[in-house]
């Protein structure tokens, strides 16, 4: 049986372990060739069992040199690039009043800046291929989080980065569609070294295996495959608990404009009463499942 990603060349950032490793292994199982990125290379010893279908890349993709080197590795090894999976991430969780400048900068750099740099480098490559008359069928899959979509106490930096990646995904999808590139995001819930540190391992779902990273990767493989060519600018939610599509911000209850600030209170309270509340941390409306 042919693999869903036969012949497709993919790069996966932050893939030394956890969700990134599960993605790389799932892509190879479906016929892809994969460049597996890790910032220092210490986690890439497992690559041997993937054989010639995978190659490691050691580098910091939140730098232009690292991002460029990652994509060049794919081009040097297999002569093409079809899929970018932006998965690199770290956590520096603190309450807002205790958050240091470096806590903020590091999280924004690793999550958001790396997504920008790797995507930009790939987009320039695909634009040139498209302008040369080639039929491009390429993918960018970014990693977001329920924290960025719905919020969570103690993670203003992480949530800001992931929320920005979701917005980046929507706009990049608009810009790159003309070149034959789709841009989507994957919102996983999985037990990893990073999420275990915030207590995700101490849950019934984790103990039942529903938060194994391998539950996330089938959706990733589909997004990377030719089957998803008509889908762009969306956020797919995936775990061992559910598969869903996140719905973005939209205008809710609306009234006429108000010219006098003293009249805003009465007008806006009627709109607030008619509006849905913000979703909870799992993306559900309070009291609705």
Foldseek 3Di string as FASTA:
>chain_A
DAALQAPAEEEFEPQLDALNVLQVVNLLVRHAAYEYEDQAPPSCPVVPVSPLSYDYQHHQLLDLVSLLVRVVVRCVSPNDHAEYELDFAAADFAAPVPQDPCNLVVGLSRQASSLVNNVVNVLVVLQVCVVVPDQHAHEYEHEAELCLAFNDGRGPSNNVNRVVVLVVQQVVQVVRVVSNYAGEYEYEQADDPRVVVVPPCVDPCNVVVFRGSNQRNVVVSCRGGSVCSPDHSWYWYTTSVDTDTADHDDDADDDDDDDDPVCCVVVVVVRVVVDQDGAHSVRHGVPGD
